[in-house]
Amino acid sequence: MKIQLNKSNGSMAHHGPRVWMPSRGSAPQQHELQRDVLRFTEARPARRRSESGMATVLFIALLAIMLVLVMVESRSIIRLHQEVKLLEKQQIKRLNSPATNAVSTVTTP
């Protein structure tokens, strides 16, 4: 809460969130003070809304970045799994083939 001293006539006006208390000044001074207070209180919620909106945008952007990273990692894991399968097939084929320096015996009937 703020209490502001009116410099023209020495009266005090109380400024709180959306509260205005009249001073002892003349009617035009009271009207100007009320207008200034209303401008001040109307600007604060708009700023909070914009800050809240910016936080929401940043949160969604971070969420999107995380989603992209997860998708890239999952594709890498799928590729790695395919490569491991291919290596396994190659090793099975290599181990099941006959030895290269073995002597083959051919029997004739």
C-alpha atoms as a PDB file:
ATOM      1  CA  MET A   1       0.000   0.000   0.000  1.00  0.00           C
ATOM      2  CA  LYS A   2       1.171   3.509  -0.783  1.00  0.00           C
ATOM      3  CA  ILE A   3       0.253   6.760   0.860  1.00  0.00           C
ATOM      4  CA  GLN A   4       1.089   9.700  -1.338  1.00  0.00           C
ATOM      5  CA  LEU A   5       1.298  13.307  -0.212  1.00  0.00           C
ATOM      6  CA  ASN A   6      -0.454  15.762  -2.501  1.00  0.00           C
ATOM      7  CA  LYS A   7       2.129  18.513  -3.059  1.00  0.00           C
ATOM      8  CA  SER A   8      -0.369  21.243  -3.900  1.00  0.00           C
ATOM      9  CA  ASN A   9      -2.368  21.248  -0.668  1.00  0.00           C
ATOM     10  CA  GLY A  10      -0.556  18.842   1.688  1.00  0.00           C
ATOM     11  CA  SER A  11      -3.385  16.290   1.843  1.00  0.00           C
ATOM     12  CA  MET A  12      -2.783  12.548   1.690  1.00  0.00           C
ATOM     13  CA  ALA A  13      -4.362   9.985  -0.627  1.00  0.00           C
ATOM     14  CA  HIS A  14      -4.204   6.240  -0.009  1.00  0.00           C
ATOM     15  CA  HIS A  15      -3.155   4.082  -3.003  1.00  0.00           C
ATOM     16  CA  GLY A  16      -3.723   0.355  -2.749  1.00  0.00           C
ATOM     17  CA  PRO A  17      -4.712  -2.212  -5.267  1.00  0.00           C
ATOM     18  CA  ARG A  18      -7.840  -0.792  -6.946  1.00  0.00           C
ATOM     19  CA  VAL A  19      -8.669   1.441  -3.985  1.00  0.00           C
ATOM     20  CA  TRP A  20      -8.956   5.193  -4.054  1.00  0.00           C
ATOM     21  CA  MET A  21      -9.540   7.441  -1.083  1.00  0.00           C
ATOM     22  CA  PRO A  22     -10.290  11.080  -1.818  1.00  0.00           C
ATOM     23  CA  SER A  23      -8.007  13.853  -0.645  1.00  0.00           C
ATOM     24  CA  ARG A  24      -9.045  17.245   0.745  1.00  0.00           C
ATOM     25  CA  GLY A  25      -8.195  19.015  -2.499  1.00  0.00           C
ATOM     26  CA  SER A  26     -10.585  20.724  -4.838  1.00  0.00           C
ATOM     27  CA  ALA A  27     -12.888  18.751  -7.164  1.00  0.00           C
ATOM     28  CA  PRO A  28     -10.612  19.027 -10.266  1.00  0.00           C
ATOM     29  CA  GLN A  29      -7.616  17.825  -8.249  1.00  0.00           C
ATOM     30  CA  GLN A  30      -9.623  14.910  -6.889  1.00  0.00           C
ATOM     31  CA  HIS A  31     -10.751  14.002 -10.385  1.00  0.00           C
ATOM     32  CA  GLU A  32      -7.153  14.085 -11.706  1.00  0.00           C
ATOM     33  CA  LEU A  33      -5.943  12.014  -8.781  1.00  0.00           C
ATOM     34  CA  GLN A  34      -8.726   9.490  -9.283  1.00  0.00           C
ATOM     35  CA  ARG A  35      -7.915   9.263 -13.001  1.00  0.00           C
ATOM     36  CA  ASP A  36      -4.205   8.718 -12.227  1.00  0.00           C
ATOM     37  CA  VAL A  37      -5.014   6.019  -9.678  1.00  0.00           C
ATOM     38  CA  LEU A  38      -7.332   4.255 -12.107  1.00  0.00           C
ATOM     39  CA  ARG A  39      -4.641   4.324 -14.806  1.00  0.00           C
ATOM     40  CA  PHE A  40      -2.147   2.842 -12.370  1.00  0.00           C
ATOM     41  CA  THR A  41      -4.450   0.051 -11.215  1.00  0.00           C
ATOM     42  CA  GLU A  42      -5.643  -0.766 -14.734  1.00  0.00           C
ATOM     43  CA  ALA A  43      -2.065  -1.092 -16.024  1.00  0.00           C
ATOM     44  CA  ARG A  44      -0.986  -3.622 -13.411  1.00  0.00           C
ATOM     45  CA  PRO A  45      -3.381  -6.469 -14.340  1.00  0.00           C
ATOM     46  CA  ALA A  46      -2.569  -6.027 -18.038  1.00  0.00           C
ATOM     47  CA  ARG A  47       1.133  -6.353 -17.272  1.00  0.00           C
ATOM     48  CA  ARG A  48       0.479  -9.482 -15.202  1.00  0.00           C
ATOM     49  CA  ARG A  49      -1.585 -10.966 -18.022  1.00  0.00           C
ATOM     50  CA  SER A  50       1.213 -10.290 -20.511  1.00  0.00           C
ATOM     51  CA  GLU A  51       3.805 -11.782 -18.142  1.00  0.00           C
ATOM     52  CA  SER A  52       1.579 -14.809 -17.626  1.00  0.00           C
ATOM     53  CA  GLY A  53       1.106 -15.123 -21.381  1.00  0.00           C
ATOM     54  CA  MET A  54       4.854 -14.910 -21.950  1.00  0.00           C
ATOM     55  CA  ALA A  55       5.464 -17.623 -19.353  1.00  0.00           C
ATOM     56  CA  THR A  56       2.922 -19.830 -21.129  1.00  0.00           C
ATOM     57  CA  VAL A  57       4.602 -19.263 -24.498  1.00  0.00           C
ATOM     58  CA  LEU A  58       8.025 -20.083 -23.045  1.00  0.00           C
ATOM     59  CA  PHE A  59       6.659 -23.228 -21.386  1.00  0.00           C
ATOM     60  CA  ILE A  60       5.110 -24.431 -24.658  1.00  0.00           C
ATOM     61  CA  ALA A  61       8.345 -23.670 -26.547  1.00  0.00           C
ATOM     62  CA  LEU A  62      10.413 -25.670 -24.040  1.00  0.00           C
ATOM     63  CA  LEU A  63       7.909 -28.507 -24.239  1.00  0.00           C
ATOM     64  CA  ALA A  64       8.166 -28.516 -28.050  1.00  0.00           C
ATOM     65  CA  ILE A  65      11.979 -28.597 -27.887  1.00  0.00           C
ATOM     66  CA  MET A  66      11.857 -31.511 -25.467  1.00  0.00           C
ATOM     67  CA  LEU A  67       9.428 -33.361 -27.751  1.00  0.00           C
ATOM     68  CA  VAL A  68      11.742 -32.889 -30.736  1.00  0.00           C
ATOM     69  CA  LEU A  69      14.698 -34.203 -28.725  1.00  0.00           C
ATOM     70  CA  VAL A  70      12.726 -37.264 -27.615  1.00  0.00           C
ATOM     71  CA  MET A  71      11.725 -38.010 -31.213  1.00  0.00           C
ATOM     72  CA  VAL A  72      15.331 -37.683 -32.432  1.00  0.00           C
ATOM     73  CA  GLU A  73      16.555 -39.983 -29.668  1.00  0.00           C
ATOM     74  CA  SER A  74      13.882 -42.585 -30.415  1.00  0.00           C
ATOM     75  CA  ARG A  75      14.841 -42.590 -34.120  1.00  0.00           C
ATOM     76  CA  SER A  76      18.487 -43.060 -33.132  1.00  0.00           C
ATOM     77  CA  ILE A  77      17.562 -45.988 -30.906  1.00  0.00           C
ATOM     78  CA  ILE A  78      15.524 -47.589 -33.714  1.00  0.00           C
ATOM     79  CA  ARG A  79      18.460 -47.233 -36.134  1.00  0.00           C
ATOM     80  CA  LEU A  80      20.865 -48.658 -33.574  1.00  0.00           C
ATOM     81  CA  HIS A  81      18.555 -51.637 -33.003  1.00  0.00           C
ATOM     82  CA  GLN A  82      18.402 -52.286 -36.779  1.00  0.00           C
ATOM     83  CA  GLU A  83      22.178 -52.137 -37.014  1.00  0.00           C
ATOM     84  CA  VAL A  84      22.583 -54.608 -34.150  1.00  0.00           C
ATOM     85  CA  LYS A  85      20.175 -57.002 -35.901  1.00  0.00           C
ATOM     86  CA  LEU A  86      22.185 -56.740 -39.126  1.00  0.00           C
ATOM     87  CA  LEU A  87      25.464 -57.420 -37.291  1.00  0.00           C
ATOM     88  CA  GLU A  88      23.902 -60.395 -35.557  1.00  0.00           C
ATOM     89  CA  LYS A  89      22.762 -61.863 -38.905  1.00  0.00           C
ATOM     90  CA  GLN A  90      26.236 -61.339 -40.378  1.00  0.00           C
ATOM     91  CA  GLN A  91      27.903 -63.070 -37.440  1.00  0.00           C
ATOM     92  CA  ILE A  92      25.491 -66.009 -37.557  1.00  0.00           C
ATOM     93  CA  LYS A  93      26.141 -66.387 -41.295  1.00  0.00           C
ATOM     94  CA  ARG A  94      29.909 -66.182 -40.765  1.00  0.00           C
ATOM     95  CA  LEU A  95      29.923 -68.711 -37.913  1.00  0.00           C
ATOM     96  CA  ASN A  96      27.666 -71.200 -39.696  1.00  0.00           C
ATOM     97  CA  SER A  97      29.667 -71.239 -42.916  1.00  0.00           C
ATOM     98  CA  PRO A  98      32.256 -73.994 -43.424  1.00  0.00           C
ATOM     99  CA  ALA A  99      35.817 -73.179 -42.541  1.00  0.00           C
ATOM    100  CA  THR A 100      37.871 -71.868 -45.441  1.00  0.00           C
ATOM    101  CA  ASN A 101      41.014 -73.970 -44.863  1.00  0.00           C
ATOM    102  CA  ALA A 102      39.205 -77.224 -44.198  1.00  0.00           C
ATOM    103  CA  VAL A 103      39.857 -80.075 -46.564  1.00  0.00           C
ATOM    104  CA  SER A 104      36.794 -81.139 -48.381  1.00  0.00           C
ATOM    105  CA  THR A 105      36.410 -84.793 -49.019  1.00  0.00           C
ATOM    106  CA  VAL A 106      34.428 -85.858 -51.946  1.00  0.00           C
ATOM    107  CA  THR A 107      33.174 -89.405 -52.073  1.00  0.00           C
ATOM    108  CA  THR A 108      32.457 -90.990 -55.382  1.00  0.00           C
ATOM    109  CA  PRO A 109      29.836 -93.641 -55.670  1.00  0.00           C
END
